[in-house]
Amino acid sequence: MTNFDFDTVIPRRGTDCVKWDHFGGESIPMWVADMDFPAAPAIREALQKRLDHGIFGYEQIPARYYDAVTGWFARRHGWHFGPDDIIPTTGVIAAYSACIKAMTVPGDKVILQTPVYNCFFPAVRNNRCVEAPSPLRYHDGRYDIDFEDLERKASDPAAKVLLLCNPHNPVGRVWTREELTRIGEICLRHNVFVISDEIHCELTYQGHDYTPYGSLGERFAKASATCCSPTKPFNIAGIQIANIVATDPEIRRRIDRAINENECCDVNIFGVEALIAAYDRSGPWLDALMEYLKANAEEVYRRLGAELPDIPVLPLEGTYLMWLDCTSLGDGLWDYLKDKAGVVLCDGAIYGEAGRGFLRLNIACPRATLDEGLGRLIRGIKNYKSYTNNQS
């Protein structure tokens, strides 16, 4: 495997970076899903070549863009679809928001499997729909799907869409083919359309294979739309590029109309080049990244297991976001860590009521940054325990 450098710490503070500059001060940011690694060399080379041309006018998306998308998913994931099935757009949030708009009318219900990515909630509300939470089932330190509850929610005539997260953010599950098929059977039975956010699909660990929802079979594919992007796994979120894959022509027409109504149909020229370079030439970099992230996750298990054995760290099957069960510590921990301990994670409450008491930890950083952040986190939680004990 080609050697890539993930250890060098590149300063980002003071660069108008959301991750490092949003909260100010000298905190270690381990919150928003943004990696502290440079993009793959092939991506940077492609962007530099486009930059050197010097003219950045309107772009028509070339055939090689569609070839890159279809080729990547066929080679990497065994999912075969055609160029005509793809609708490019600016980002995955814009993608699933447009899909919701296309497949609902105001007042319809959208099923969410909570705790779930916080931007799902405004996407539902902004389309004047109603959230219908179907909480995941948490037991024995692991999450699975409450299929009985999902069936109840799907059987409501007002339920028109399931907004699926595959792999799941924030709990780190990679849904199996069997689980996805069972979801699909329920949704087909009740005429619920599946919109699958699969932005984390490349970020899965050995033994936990990603299954594209659209690959389950024609009847599942035609009653669904998949939102995917290279931005998360290749750390190019600021470039903003994504795709919607919808194999049914009528569904695709409705989504394309919604994309245009939402005015997120024009992608930027750098996004086009970055995607092609990612999918065509950056597979080895991604493989090396996953090995590095795996080692980071093992370090989290080791240190928190030794220092904070009463704080369960859930198994990480996919994403670079670890889910910490801090429910035994009550409210106030997130603020304390931010204000007193100098480390910022994501408060689980933003992912719905089912996430209250949990923290989401971003491990996509050089080992030196991880070590410093974990040190602050461990000291902060220990001090918080002493603080709350003294308050009671």
Protein backbone atom coordinates (compact mmCIF):
# COMPACT_ATOMS: atom_id res chain seq x y z
CA MET A 1 0.00 0.00 0.00
CA THR A 2 1.28 3.48 -0.86
CA ASN A 3 2.42 5.49 2.16
CA PHE A 4 0.37 8.58 2.96
CA ASP A 5 1.03 11.02 5.77
CA PHE A 6 -1.81 11.29 8.28
CA ASP A 7 0.43 12.20 11.23
CA THR A 8 1.50 15.72 10.32
CA VAL A 9 -0.50 18.34 12.21
CA ILE A 10 -1.55 21.12 9.83
CA PRO A 11 -2.69 24.25 11.73
CA ARG A 12 -6.27 25.17 10.89
CA ARG A 13 -7.06 27.65 13.64
CA GLY A 14 -7.43 31.15 12.23
CA THR A 15 -8.28 29.94 8.70
CA ASP A 16 -12.03 30.61 9.03
CA CYS A 17 -12.45 26.90 9.62
CA VAL A 18 -15.78 25.96 11.20
CA LYS A 19 -14.26 23.10 13.15
CA TRP A 20 -11.41 25.06 14.72
CA ASP A 21 -12.69 28.65 14.75
CA HIS A 22 -16.40 28.38 15.57
CA PHE A 23 -15.97 28.12 19.34
CA GLY A 24 -12.84 30.25 19.51
CA GLY A 25 -10.24 29.95 22.24
CA GLU A 26 -7.74 27.11 22.41
CA SER A 27 -10.13 24.18 22.65
CA ILE A 28 -9.41 20.94 20.82
CA PRO A 29 -12.38 20.50 18.42
CA MET A 30 -13.62 16.92 18.13
CA TRP A 31 -17.15 17.73 17.05
CA VAL A 32 -18.22 18.52 13.45
CA ALA A 33 -17.63 15.72 10.91
CA ASP A 34 -14.59 17.22 9.21
CA MET A 35 -11.18 15.53 9.04
CA ASP A 36 -7.88 17.24 9.87
CA PHE A 37 -6.10 15.52 6.97
CA PRO A 38 -5.21 17.01 3.58
CA ALA A 39 -7.21 15.69 0.66
CA ALA A 40 -5.75 12.84 -1.38
CA PRO A 41 -2.83 13.88 -3.64
CA ALA A 42 -4.75 13.04 -6.82
CA ILE A 43 -7.54 15.40 -5.77
CA ARG A 44 -5.15 18.25 -5.02
CA GLU A 45 -3.36 17.71 -8.33
CA ALA A 46 -6.65 17.80 -10.25
CA LEU A 47 -7.73 20.98 -8.50
CA GLN A 48 -4.36 22.62 -9.14
CA LYS A 49 -4.57 21.76 -12.82
CA ARG A 50 -8.05 23.29 -13.04
CA LEU A 51 -6.88 26.34 -11.08
CA ASP A 52 -3.94 26.86 -13.40
CA HIS A 53 -6.31 27.15 -16.35
CA GLY A 54 -7.42 30.41 -14.80
CA ILE A 55 -10.97 30.65 -16.13
CA PHE A 56 -13.82 29.52 -13.91
CA GLY A 57 -17.00 29.99 -15.90
CA TYR A 58 -20.14 27.91 -16.11
CA GLU A 59 -19.48 24.21 -16.43
CA GLN A 60 -21.31 21.46 -18.28
CA ILE A 61 -20.85 18.15 -16.50
CA PRO A 62 -18.72 15.88 -18.71
CA ALA A 63 -19.35 12.21 -19.45
CA ARG A 64 -16.23 11.29 -17.45
CA TYR A 65 -17.98 12.59 -14.31
CA TYR A 66 -20.84 10.10 -14.71
CA ASP A 67 -18.36 7.36 -15.64
CA ALA A 68 -16.44 8.05 -12.43
CA VAL A 69 -19.58 7.73 -10.27
CA THR A 70 -20.94 4.59 -11.93
CA GLY A 71 -17.50 3.00 -12.16
CA TRP A 72 -16.69 3.58 -8.49
CA PHE A 73 -19.91 2.10 -7.15
CA ALA A 74 -19.73 -0.86 -9.52
CA ARG A 75 -16.09 -1.67 -8.66
CA ARG A 76 -16.16 -0.86 -4.98
CA HIS A 77 -19.64 -1.88 -3.94
CA GLY A 78 -21.11 -4.07 -6.69
CA TRP A 79 -23.89 -1.56 -7.32
CA HIS A 80 -24.70 -1.10 -10.98
CA PHE A 81 -26.69 1.85 -12.31
CA GLY A 82 -26.46 4.06 -15.36
CA PRO A 83 -25.41 7.66 -16.01
CA ASP A 84 -29.03 8.62 -16.64
CA ASP A 85 -29.92 7.57 -13.08
CA ILE A 86 -27.70 10.30 -11.60
CA ILE A 87 -28.78 13.83 -10.62
CA PRO A 88 -25.79 15.98 -9.55
CA THR A 89 -26.32 18.63 -6.89
CA THR A 90 -24.41 20.78 -4.44
CA GLY A 91 -24.47 18.57 -1.36
CA VAL A 92 -26.17 15.68 0.38
CA ILE A 93 -28.30 17.94 2.61
CA ALA A 94 -29.59 19.72 -0.50
CA ALA A 95 -30.09 16.30 -2.10
CA TYR A 96 -32.31 14.73 0.55
CA SER A 97 -34.15 17.99 1.13
CA ALA A 98 -35.09 18.07 -2.55
CA CYS A 99 -36.09 14.41 -2.42
CA ILE A 100 -38.40 15.10 0.52
CA LYS A 101 -39.93 18.00 -1.41
CA ALA A 102 -40.43 15.78 -4.45
CA MET A 103 -42.10 12.93 -2.57
CA THR A 104 -44.33 14.74 -0.05
CA VAL A 105 -46.86 17.48 0.38
CA PRO A 106 -47.01 19.74 3.44
CA GLY A 107 -48.36 17.87 6.43
CA ASP A 108 -46.99 14.48 5.42
CA LYS A 109 -44.92 12.55 7.94
CA VAL A 110 -41.26 11.63 7.49
CA ILE A 111 -39.94 8.74 9.58
CA LEU A 112 -36.58 9.30 11.29
CA GLN A 113 -34.61 6.61 13.12
CA THR A 114 -33.34 8.57 16.09
CA PRO A 115 -30.82 9.48 17.36
CA VAL A 116 -29.92 10.66 13.87
CA TYR A 117 -27.95 13.34 12.04
CA ASN A 118 -29.21 16.70 13.27
CA CYS A 119 -29.69 18.21 9.79
CA PHE A 120 -32.44 15.67 9.10
CA PHE A 121 -34.81 17.58 11.39
CA PRO A 122 -34.73 20.99 9.62
CA ALA A 123 -34.94 19.25 6.23
CA VAL A 124 -38.27 17.78 7.32
CA ARG A 125 -39.55 21.02 8.85
CA ASN A 126 -38.37 23.20 5.95
CA ASN A 127 -40.51 21.11 3.62
CA ARG A 128 -43.45 21.68 6.00
CA CYS A 129 -43.60 18.01 6.89
CA VAL A 130 -43.89 16.38 10.30
CA GLU A 131 -41.19 14.35 12.04
CA ALA A 132 -42.21 10.80 12.96
CA PRO A 133 -39.41 9.43 15.16
CA SER A 134 -38.91 5.67 15.24
CA PRO A 135 -36.14 5.42 17.86
CA LEU A 136 -33.43 2.86 17.42
CA ARG A 137 -33.31 0.25 20.16
CA TYR A 138 -30.33 0.60 22.52
CA HIS A 139 -29.42 -2.39 24.61
CA ASP A 140 -26.27 -4.23 25.69
CA GLY A 141 -24.13 -1.35 24.44
CA ARG A 142 -25.37 -1.55 20.87
CA TYR A 143 -28.12 -0.19 18.64
CA ASP A 144 -30.45 -2.09 16.38
CA ILE A 145 -33.73 -1.33 14.62
CA ASP A 146 -37.05 -1.58 16.41
CA PHE A 147 -38.87 -3.17 13.49
CA GLU A 148 -42.19 -3.37 15.33
CA ASP A 149 -42.14 0.37 15.95
CA LEU A 150 -41.01 1.03 12.37
CA GLU A 151 -43.96 -1.02 11.11
CA ARG A 152 -46.34 1.01 13.28
CA LYS A 153 -44.95 4.31 12.07
CA ALA A 154 -44.95 3.20 8.43
CA SER A 155 -48.56 1.98 8.63
CA ASP A 156 -49.75 5.53 9.37
CA PRO A 157 -51.37 6.75 6.11
CA ALA A 158 -49.72 10.13 6.65
CA ALA A 159 -46.23 8.57 6.59
CA LYS A 160 -44.83 9.02 3.08
CA VAL A 161 -41.05 8.89 3.50
CA LEU A 162 -38.39 7.14 5.56
CA LEU A 163 -35.22 9.24 5.73
CA LEU A 164 -32.61 6.53 6.23
CA CYS A 165 -29.01 7.02 7.38
CA ASN A 166 -26.82 4.23 5.94
CA PRO A 167 -24.26 3.94 7.58
CA HIS A 168 -25.82 5.55 10.59
CA ASN A 169 -24.63 8.84 12.04
CA PRO A 170 -24.18 9.23 15.01
CA VAL A 171 -24.38 5.70 16.43
CA GLY A 172 -21.83 4.16 14.04
CA ARG A 173 -23.89 1.22 12.81
CA VAL A 174 -23.43 -0.16 9.30
CA TRP A 175 -26.79 -1.68 8.47
CA THR A 176 -26.57 -5.21 7.14
CA ARG A 177 -28.19 -6.38 3.93
CA GLU A 178 -30.71 -8.33 6.03
CA GLU A 179 -31.62 -5.27 8.10
CA LEU A 180 -31.97 -3.08 5.01
CA THR A 181 -34.11 -5.68 3.26
CA ARG A 182 -36.42 -5.86 6.25
CA ILE A 183 -36.68 -2.06 6.28
CA GLY A 184 -37.45 -2.15 2.57
CA GLU A 185 -40.16 -4.78 2.93
CA ILE A 186 -41.92 -2.69 5.58
CA CYS A 187 -41.72 0.45 3.46
CA LEU A 188 -42.94 -1.28 0.31
CA ARG A 189 -45.82 -2.82 2.24
CA HIS A 190 -47.00 0.60 3.36
CA ASN A 191 -46.02 2.63 0.28
CA VAL A 192 -43.36 4.60 2.15
CA PHE A 193 -40.63 6.00 -0.09
CA VAL A 194 -37.04 5.54 1.14
CA ILE A 195 -34.54 8.39 0.89
CA SER A 196 -31.15 7.03 1.91
CA ASP A 197 -28.34 9.34 3.02
CA GLU A 198 -25.19 7.32 2.26
CA ILE A 199 -22.53 10.01 2.59
CA HIS A 200 -20.53 7.89 5.06
CA CYS A 201 -20.67 4.79 2.85
CA GLU A 202 -16.90 4.56 2.23
CA LEU A 203 -16.05 4.85 5.93
CA THR A 204 -16.64 1.28 7.07
CA TYR A 205 -14.37 -1.09 8.92
CA GLN A 206 -13.37 -4.69 8.30
CA GLY A 207 -16.23 -7.09 8.88
CA HIS A 208 -18.91 -4.44 8.34
CA ASP A 209 -19.58 -4.17 4.63
CA TYR A 210 -21.64 -1.28 3.30
CA THR A 211 -24.71 -2.31 1.33
CA PRO A 212 -26.17 0.40 -0.93
CA TYR A 213 -29.92 0.49 -0.38
CA GLY A 214 -30.43 0.75 -4.13
CA SER A 215 -28.52 -2.50 -4.67
CA LEU A 216 -31.10 -4.63 -2.83
CA GLY A 217 -33.09 -5.26 -5.99
CA GLU A 218 -35.20 -3.47 -8.58
CA ARG A 219 -38.36 -3.14 -6.49
CA PHE A 220 -36.41 -1.51 -3.66
CA ALA A 221 -34.42 0.70 -6.01
CA LYS A 222 -37.49 2.03 -7.82
CA ALA A 223 -39.13 3.06 -4.53
CA SER A 224 -36.08 4.91 -3.27
CA ALA A 225 -33.49 7.58 -3.93
CA THR A 226 -29.90 7.42 -2.68
CA CYS A 227 -27.91 10.52 -1.78
CA CYS A 228 -24.15 10.04 -1.95
CA SER A 229 -20.98 12.10 -2.17
CA PRO A 230 -17.19 11.83 -2.00
CA THR A 231 -17.01 14.85 0.29
CA LYS A 232 -17.05 13.03 3.64
CA PRO A 233 -14.62 10.16 2.97
CA PHE A 234 -12.19 12.31 0.96
CA ASN A 235 -12.46 15.41 3.20
CA ILE A 236 -13.62 17.85 0.53
CA ALA A 237 -16.86 19.07 2.11
CA GLY A 238 -16.06 22.70 1.36
CA ILE A 239 -16.00 21.96 -2.37
CA GLN A 240 -19.66 20.88 -2.29
CA ILE A 241 -20.60 18.13 -4.71
CA ALA A 242 -23.10 15.27 -4.39
CA ASN A 243 -25.36 13.01 -6.40
CA ILE A 244 -28.84 11.56 -6.17
CA VAL A 245 -29.26 8.11 -7.69
CA ALA A 246 -32.87 7.34 -8.66
CA THR A 247 -33.56 4.55 -11.13
CA ASP A 248 -37.28 5.19 -11.71
CA PRO A 249 -37.71 7.80 -14.49
CA GLU A 250 -40.86 9.37 -13.03
CA ILE A 251 -39.31 9.62 -9.56
CA ARG A 252 -36.20 11.11 -11.10
CA ARG A 253 -38.28 13.68 -12.99
CA ARG A 254 -39.98 14.76 -9.75
CA ILE A 255 -36.66 15.03 -7.92
CA ASP A 256 -35.05 16.95 -10.76
CA ARG A 257 -37.92 19.43 -10.65
CA ALA A 258 -37.46 19.85 -6.89
CA ILE A 259 -33.71 20.34 -7.35
CA ASN A 260 -34.43 23.15 -9.78
CA GLU A 261 -37.13 24.69 -7.59
CA ASN A 262 -34.66 24.71 -4.69
CA GLU A 263 -32.05 26.22 -7.04
CA CYS A 264 -29.32 23.74 -6.12
CA CYS A 265 -28.89 22.26 -9.58
CA ASP A 266 -25.65 23.98 -10.63
CA VAL A 267 -22.48 22.37 -9.30
CA ASN A 268 -19.10 24.09 -9.24
CA ILE A 269 -16.23 23.26 -11.54
CA PHE A 270 -13.89 22.28 -8.72
CA GLY A 271 -16.43 19.82 -7.34
CA VAL A 272 -16.57 18.06 -10.70
CA GLU A 273 -12.79 17.67 -10.88
CA ALA A 274 -12.50 16.65 -7.23
CA LEU A 275 -15.11 13.92 -7.59
CA ILE A 276 -13.48 12.45 -10.69
CA ALA A 277 -10.07 12.41 -9.03
CA ALA A 278 -11.50 10.89 -5.86
CA TYR A 279 -13.36 8.05 -7.53
CA ASP A 280 -10.89 7.34 -10.34
CA ARG A 281 -7.51 7.76 -8.62
CA SER A 282 -7.83 7.95 -4.83
CA GLY A 283 -8.85 4.47 -3.74
CA PRO A 284 -5.42 3.64 -2.23
CA TRP A 285 -5.51 6.85 -0.16
CA LEU A 286 -8.94 5.91 1.19
CA ASP A 287 -7.72 2.42 2.11
CA ALA A 288 -4.79 3.92 4.02
CA LEU A 289 -7.11 6.40 5.73
CA MET A 290 -9.32 3.60 7.02
CA GLU A 291 -6.32 1.82 8.54
CA TYR A 292 -5.33 5.04 10.31
CA LEU A 293 -8.86 5.65 11.59
CA LYS A 294 -9.06 2.08 12.83
CA ALA A 295 -5.90 2.61 14.87
CA ASN A 296 -7.33 5.87 16.25
CA ALA A 297 -10.51 4.07 17.29
CA GLU A 298 -8.49 1.37 19.04
CA GLU A 299 -6.65 4.08 20.97
CA VAL A 300 -9.96 5.54 22.12
CA TYR A 301 -11.14 2.13 23.31
CA ARG A 302 -7.85 1.59 25.15
CA ARG A 303 -7.60 4.94 26.90
CA LEU A 304 -11.24 5.43 27.82
CA GLY A 305 -11.55 1.80 28.82
CA ALA A 306 -8.65 2.20 31.23
CA GLU A 307 -9.43 5.68 32.54
CA LEU A 308 -13.23 5.88 32.31
CA PRO A 309 -14.55 2.31 32.48
CA ASP A 310 -18.00 3.57 33.47
CA ILE A 311 -18.38 5.47 30.14
CA PRO A 312 -19.25 2.89 27.44
CA VAL A 313 -17.75 3.56 24.02
CA LEU A 314 -20.02 1.91 21.46
CA PRO A 315 -18.56 -0.35 18.76
CA LEU A 316 -17.60 1.63 15.67
CA GLU A 317 -18.69 -0.17 12.51
CA GLY A 318 -18.66 2.86 10.23
CA THR A 319 -17.93 6.62 10.11
CA TYR A 320 -15.14 8.28 12.12
CA LEU A 321 -17.60 9.39 14.81
CA MET A 322 -17.58 7.47 18.08
CA TRP A 323 -20.65 7.45 20.34
CA LEU A 324 -20.03 7.71 24.08
CA ASP A 325 -22.69 6.76 26.61
CA CYS A 326 -22.47 9.45 29.30
CA THR A 327 -26.06 9.06 30.50
CA SER A 328 -24.84 8.20 34.01
CA LEU A 329 -23.46 11.73 34.40
CA GLY A 330 -26.68 13.72 33.91
CA ASP A 331 -27.00 17.06 32.09
CA GLY A 332 -24.33 19.71 31.84
CA LEU A 333 -21.33 17.63 30.74
CA TRP A 334 -21.06 19.07 27.22
CA ASP A 335 -20.96 22.66 28.49
CA TYR A 336 -18.46 21.74 31.19
CA LEU A 337 -16.09 20.10 28.72
CA LYS A 338 -16.32 23.07 26.36
CA ASP A 339 -15.98 25.78 29.01
CA LYS A 340 -13.69 24.13 31.57
CA ALA A 341 -11.84 21.25 29.93
CA GLY A 342 -10.91 22.80 26.56
CA VAL A 343 -12.37 20.06 24.39
CA VAL A 344 -15.50 20.23 22.23
CA LEU A 345 -17.55 17.18 21.21
CA CYS A 346 -21.10 17.03 19.83
CA ASP A 347 -23.90 17.00 22.37
CA GLY A 348 -26.02 13.92 21.73
CA ALA A 349 -29.22 15.88 22.36
CA ILE A 350 -28.96 17.57 18.96
CA TYR A 351 -29.67 14.18 17.37
CA GLY A 352 -33.07 13.92 18.97
CA GLU A 353 -34.34 13.07 22.43
CA ALA A 354 -32.97 9.53 22.05
CA GLY A 355 -29.45 10.98 21.98
CA ARG A 356 -29.68 12.90 25.23
CA GLY A 357 -26.84 12.04 27.59
CA PHE A 358 -24.50 10.83 24.83
CA LEU A 359 -21.52 12.56 23.23
CA ARG A 360 -20.22 12.18 19.67
CA LEU A 361 -16.44 12.11 19.31
CA ASN A 362 -14.67 12.84 16.00
CA ILE A 363 -11.45 10.79 15.73
CA ALA A 364 -10.43 11.93 12.21
CA CYS A 365 -7.27 13.76 13.19
CA PRO A 366 -3.53 13.12 13.56
CA ARG A 367 -2.60 10.95 16.52
CA ALA A 368 -1.00 13.89 18.36
CA THR A 369 -4.28 15.83 18.21
CA LEU A 370 -6.23 12.75 19.27
CA ASP A 371 -3.93 12.16 22.25
CA GLU A 372 -4.28 15.76 23.42
CA GLY A 373 -8.04 15.74 22.93
CA LEU A 374 -8.49 12.45 24.78
CA GLY A 375 -6.35 13.70 27.63
CA ARG A 376 -8.54 16.76 28.00
CA LEU A 377 -11.69 14.67 27.69
CA ILE A 378 -10.60 12.20 30.38
CA ARG A 379 -9.49 14.92 32.79
CA GLY A 380 -12.63 16.90 32.06
CA ILE A 381 -14.99 14.02 32.81
CA LYS A 382 -13.11 13.13 36.00
CA ASN A 383 -13.24 16.75 37.15
CA TYR A 384 -16.92 16.97 36.21
CA LYS A 385 -17.68 13.99 38.41
CA SER A 386 -15.94 15.67 41.33
CA TYR A 387 -17.71 18.96 40.56
CA THR A 388 -21.17 17.40 40.47
CA ASN A 389 -20.49 15.35 43.60
CA ASN A 390 -19.57 18.54 45.42
CA GLN A 391 -22.73 20.24 44.17
CA SER A 392 -25.01 17.49 45.47
